[in-house]
Every structure is written in structure tokens, then in C-alpha cells.
Amino acid sequence: MKRIILFLLTTILTFSAFAQRPYGCVTQGKTLEYTTYDADDNVTGYSVTTVKSVTGSGSDISVTCDNQIFDAGRNSITSTMESTITYNNGEATANVGGYSGINIDVSGDKITLPSRLAVGMLLDLGKMTVSIEGISTSVTVIENEVIDREEITTDAGTFKCYVVKQTTESRVFGIKGTTTTKTWYARGVGAVKIETYVKNRINSTQILTKYE
């Protein structure tokens, strides 16, 4: 359950973007596979997102994706979940469906990412709540800033990215904590790399390892 919550939050926060040439994938048929590593660089799992359909144009685009999570042995640990990101006049709304037999509700502020980024830019703050089968997780974004511009290479290719540092306060299963993430965003692709820090120490890393 915890892994599902973390995946949902990552999906919502990293695929939210501005409508015109967003920092998110809007190409129908594309598959994005992320490999997750722990603090010791051991593989802990995979997540796969496939863009099923893209409708609309200009400032009004709707992107529907299938998402699935796998363990380190590539065994499926969830059924396929459908999510839709709607880009409309500069704002993005994420609608996340449930896994088979699981009811999921996402509410709260829209955390958006402009189509034009610059180092030093301050981005949206806000609070969201994810409820899974009546279990609620609240996440408050208290820091959100573009801190760097960098070209990085992964197994999926070489990407020119802006680096966004985001700090959140959350309460998961009654446990309160503060987490900092650094996300490398590439235009037209979305998140290429995500580093997660807890108590100023790296906790996990997600890397885009397939983009085809």
C-alpha cells in the first residue's frame, strides 16, 4: 500500500505541467519505464507508464496513461491503473483511477509546472490528500524551486533538464515526516531522474531507463 501511495504522489507531482510543450510526455504510444534504487544503489522495483491516448491541441490537451508497478524481480505487484492528466490554459489536473478493487481519491491544490523554466524560479506550493480505501495521506509542498539546468544521460538517452528541488511535509499511516526531492525534467518527456532525501540523506532514486 505504501508503494502505491508513493507512486501516486510521484505521478501527480511529476506529470503536472503547462499545456504548450509541457515538461511531461504528450506523445501517444510512448512507454516510460523507471527503475528505482535504494540508498545503496540496489534495484528495489520498476514502474511503467504507457501513454494510451492524447486528445486535443494547443492549450487544451488530455493525456491518458496506463501505469503499473513491479518488484525488483519484475513481478507485477499491482494491476494496471489508469491516470489522466488534463492540460488546460496553463493548469494541469490529474485524475487517477484505482487499481482493481481499490478505491482512490485525490483532492487538494493543483501543483503545476510552467512551460518556461529558469534557474531561481519559485514554483507553486500547496496541499494535497490521497485517500486509498479510506486511508488518507496528506502532503504539503513547502518548498518548490528550480535550482539548476543540467544535461544527463541514462539508459533511455541523453536529456537536457531543469532540476527542481521540492520539499514536502507529509503524514503517512500516522507518521509525520519531511521529504526533499530533486527532479530532473526534460521537455516533452517529464521526469528523467528523481532523488529522494530524508533527513538530508539520499533515500531512493528513480531513473528513466526506457523511453520508447
Protein backbone atom coordinates (compact mmCIF):
# COMPACT_ATOMS: atom_id res chain seq x y z
CA MET A 1 0.00 0.00 0.00
CA LYS A 2 2.80 2.43 0.87
CA ARG A 3 4.44 1.86 -2.52
CA ILE A 4 1.11 2.60 -4.26
CA ILE A 5 0.77 5.89 -2.35
CA LEU A 6 4.32 6.94 -3.24
CA PHE A 7 3.74 6.07 -6.90
CA LEU A 8 0.53 8.11 -6.99
CA LEU A 9 2.20 11.15 -5.47
CA THR A 10 5.12 10.87 -7.89
CA THR A 11 2.73 10.58 -10.83
CA ILE A 12 0.71 13.61 -9.79
CA LEU A 13 3.65 15.84 -8.93
CA THR A 14 5.90 14.94 -11.86
CA PHE A 15 3.38 14.84 -14.68
CA SER A 16 1.72 18.16 -13.82
CA ALA A 17 2.79 20.75 -16.37
CA PHE A 18 1.77 23.64 -18.62
CA ALA A 19 -0.22 22.87 -21.75
CA GLN A 20 2.07 24.16 -24.50
CA ARG A 21 5.08 21.85 -24.93
CA PRO A 22 4.87 20.65 -21.33
CA TYR A 23 7.55 19.04 -19.20
CA GLY A 24 5.52 15.85 -19.45
CA CYS A 25 5.03 13.19 -22.11
CA VAL A 26 2.25 14.01 -24.60
CA THR A 27 3.20 11.51 -27.32
CA GLN A 28 0.69 8.72 -27.85
CA GLY A 29 2.19 5.22 -27.72
CA LYS A 30 5.27 6.19 -25.70
CA THR A 31 6.33 3.92 -22.84
CA LEU A 32 8.35 5.26 -19.91
CA GLU A 33 9.99 2.75 -17.59
CA TYR A 34 11.54 3.88 -14.33
CA THR A 35 13.96 1.84 -12.24
CA THR A 36 14.01 2.54 -8.50
CA TYR A 37 17.18 2.16 -6.42
CA ASP A 38 17.74 2.33 -2.67
CA ALA A 39 20.45 4.35 -0.91
CA ASP A 40 22.99 1.62 -1.68
CA ASP A 41 22.13 1.57 -5.42
CA ASN A 42 20.30 -1.76 -5.18
CA VAL A 43 17.30 -2.13 -7.51
CA THR A 44 14.07 -2.20 -5.49
CA GLY A 45 11.48 -2.07 -8.25
CA TYR A 46 10.18 -0.70 -11.53
CA SER A 47 7.23 1.37 -12.70
CA VAL A 48 5.95 1.51 -16.26
CA THR A 49 3.77 4.23 -17.76
CA THR A 50 2.30 3.91 -21.25
CA VAL A 51 0.61 6.84 -22.97
CA LYS A 52 -2.64 5.35 -24.30
CA SER A 53 -4.16 8.40 -25.90
CA VAL A 54 -3.63 12.13 -26.44
CA THR A 55 -6.61 14.27 -27.36
CA GLY A 56 -6.97 17.98 -28.03
CA SER A 57 -4.37 20.51 -29.12
CA GLY A 58 -2.80 23.85 -28.23
CA SER A 59 -3.72 24.90 -24.71
CA ASP A 60 -6.24 22.09 -24.17
CA ILE A 61 -4.72 18.59 -24.09
CA SER A 62 -5.78 15.42 -22.30
CA VAL A 63 -3.28 12.58 -21.82
CA THR A 64 -4.46 9.15 -20.64
CA CYS A 65 -1.88 6.66 -19.34
CA ASP A 66 -1.72 3.11 -18.04
CA ASN A 67 0.53 2.63 -15.01
CA GLN A 68 1.86 -0.48 -13.33
CA ILE A 69 4.34 -1.24 -10.52
CA PHE A 70 6.75 -4.20 -10.39
CA ASP A 71 9.10 -5.53 -7.73
CA ALA A 72 12.86 -5.99 -8.17
CA GLY A 73 12.30 -9.36 -9.84
CA ARG A 74 9.91 -7.76 -12.37
CA ASN A 75 6.93 -9.47 -10.83
CA SER A 76 3.78 -7.37 -11.01
CA ILE A 77 2.66 -6.17 -7.58
CA THR A 78 -0.33 -4.16 -8.84
CA SER A 79 -2.91 -4.38 -11.56
CA THR A 80 -2.89 -1.69 -14.24
CA MET A 81 -4.07 1.75 -13.10
CA GLU A 82 -5.33 4.44 -15.46
CA SER A 83 -4.47 8.11 -14.96
CA THR A 84 -5.41 11.18 -16.98
CA ILE A 85 -3.54 14.47 -16.97
CA THR A 86 -5.54 17.37 -18.42
CA TYR A 87 -3.63 20.48 -19.51
CA ASN A 88 -5.93 23.48 -19.85
CA ASN A 89 -4.85 27.11 -20.19
CA GLY A 90 -1.75 26.72 -18.10
CA GLU A 91 -3.15 24.47 -15.40
CA ALA A 92 -2.90 20.70 -15.07
CA THR A 93 -5.35 18.44 -13.34
CA ALA A 94 -4.54 14.81 -12.51
CA ASN A 95 -7.37 12.29 -12.38
CA VAL A 96 -6.17 8.97 -11.02
CA GLY A 97 -8.25 5.82 -11.27
CA GLY A 98 -7.97 2.89 -8.91
CA TYR A 99 -6.24 -0.43 -9.15
CA SER A 100 -8.57 -3.41 -9.41
CA GLY A 101 -10.76 -3.43 -6.33
CA ILE A 102 -9.11 -0.37 -4.74
CA ASN A 103 -10.87 3.00 -4.47
CA ILE A 104 -8.56 6.01 -4.81
CA ASP A 105 -9.45 9.68 -4.34
CA VAL A 106 -7.09 12.63 -4.86
CA SER A 107 -8.06 16.14 -3.74
CA GLY A 108 -6.49 19.48 -2.86
CA ASP A 109 -4.41 22.11 -4.61
CA LYS A 110 -3.14 21.84 -8.16
CA ILE A 111 0.67 21.77 -8.25
CA THR A 112 1.62 22.98 -11.74
CA LEU A 113 4.87 23.47 -13.61
CA PRO A 114 5.27 26.36 -16.09
CA SER A 115 6.21 25.66 -19.72
CA ARG A 116 9.10 28.10 -19.37
CA LEU A 117 11.54 27.44 -16.56
CA ALA A 118 14.59 29.36 -15.36
CA VAL A 119 17.09 28.73 -12.61
CA GLY A 120 15.94 30.52 -9.46
CA MET A 121 12.25 30.40 -10.34
CA LEU A 122 9.90 29.76 -7.39
CA LEU A 123 7.11 27.32 -8.20
CA ASP A 124 3.69 26.50 -6.73
CA LEU A 125 3.17 25.47 -3.13
CA GLY A 126 0.07 23.71 -1.82
CA LYS A 127 -1.51 20.73 -0.11
CA MET A 128 -2.97 17.50 -1.44
CA THR A 129 -4.69 14.50 0.11
CA VAL A 130 -4.65 10.97 -1.29
CA SER A 131 -7.25 8.58 0.11
CA ILE A 132 -6.97 4.83 -0.57
CA GLU A 133 -9.78 2.70 0.82
CA GLY A 134 -10.41 5.36 3.47
CA ILE A 135 -6.75 5.67 4.48
CA SER A 136 -5.69 9.29 3.93
CA THR A 137 -2.24 10.66 3.26
CA SER A 138 -1.72 14.43 3.34
CA VAL A 139 1.18 16.10 1.56
CA THR A 140 2.04 19.81 1.87
CA VAL A 141 4.56 21.30 -0.54
CA ILE A 142 6.55 23.88 1.46
CA GLU A 143 9.47 24.47 -0.95
CA ASN A 144 9.46 24.29 -4.75
CA GLU A 145 12.25 25.93 -6.75
CA VAL A 146 14.19 25.50 -9.99
CA ILE A 147 17.78 25.13 -8.78
CA ASP A 148 19.83 24.09 -11.84
CA ARG A 149 19.95 23.23 -15.52
CA GLU A 150 21.80 20.07 -16.47
CA GLU A 151 22.21 17.54 -19.28
CA ILE A 152 22.03 13.96 -18.02
CA THR A 153 22.41 10.57 -19.68
CA THR A 154 20.54 7.40 -18.68
CA ASP A 155 19.92 4.08 -20.43
CA ALA A 156 16.95 5.81 -22.08
CA GLY A 157 19.09 8.51 -23.73
CA THR A 158 20.54 11.96 -23.15
CA PHE A 159 18.22 14.72 -21.95
CA LYS A 160 18.52 18.46 -21.32
CA CYS A 161 16.81 19.06 -18.00
CA TYR A 162 15.86 21.63 -15.42
CA VAL A 163 16.33 20.49 -11.83
CA VAL A 164 13.51 21.24 -9.40
CA LYS A 165 14.01 20.92 -5.65
CA GLN A 166 10.81 20.26 -3.74
CA THR A 167 10.31 19.81 0.00
CA THR A 168 7.12 18.28 1.38
CA GLU A 169 5.68 17.64 4.81
CA SER A 170 3.54 14.50 4.91
CA ARG A 171 1.63 12.23 7.21
CA VAL A 172 1.56 8.60 6.05
CA PHE A 173 -0.02 5.91 8.25
CA GLY A 174 0.04 8.39 11.13
CA ILE A 175 3.76 9.07 10.77
CA LYS A 176 4.76 12.67 10.08
CA GLY A 177 7.87 13.36 8.09
CA THR A 178 9.68 15.82 5.83
CA THR A 179 10.99 14.72 2.44
CA THR A 180 13.04 16.56 -0.16
CA THR A 181 13.13 15.55 -3.81
CA LYS A 182 15.27 16.70 -6.71
CA THR A 183 13.63 16.07 -10.07
CA TRP A 184 15.26 16.40 -13.47
CA TYR A 185 12.57 17.47 -16.01
CA ALA A 186 13.00 17.20 -19.79
CA ARG A 187 10.62 19.00 -22.13
CA GLY A 188 8.20 16.64 -23.85
CA VAL A 189 9.30 13.74 -21.61
CA GLY A 190 8.70 14.64 -17.97
CA ALA A 191 10.74 13.37 -15.07
CA VAL A 192 14.03 11.74 -16.11
CA LYS A 193 15.52 11.33 -12.64
CA ILE A 194 14.12 11.73 -9.12
CA GLU A 195 16.29 11.71 -6.00
CA THR A 196 14.51 11.48 -2.64
CA TYR A 197 16.17 12.65 0.58
CA VAL A 198 15.09 12.02 4.17
CA LYS A 199 16.92 13.88 6.95
CA ASN A 200 19.37 15.23 4.33
CA ARG A 201 20.40 11.72 3.28
CA ILE A 202 19.53 10.14 -0.03
CA ASN A 203 16.82 7.54 0.46
CA SER A 204 15.97 6.42 -3.07
CA THR A 205 16.49 7.25 -6.73
CA GLN A 206 14.18 6.77 -9.70
CA ILE A 207 15.73 6.88 -13.16
CA LEU A 208 14.07 6.78 -16.57
CA THR A 209 15.72 3.69 -18.07
CA LYS A 210 13.46 3.10 -21.08
CA TYR A 211 11.74 5.65 -23.32
CA GLU A 212 10.38 4.10 -26.47
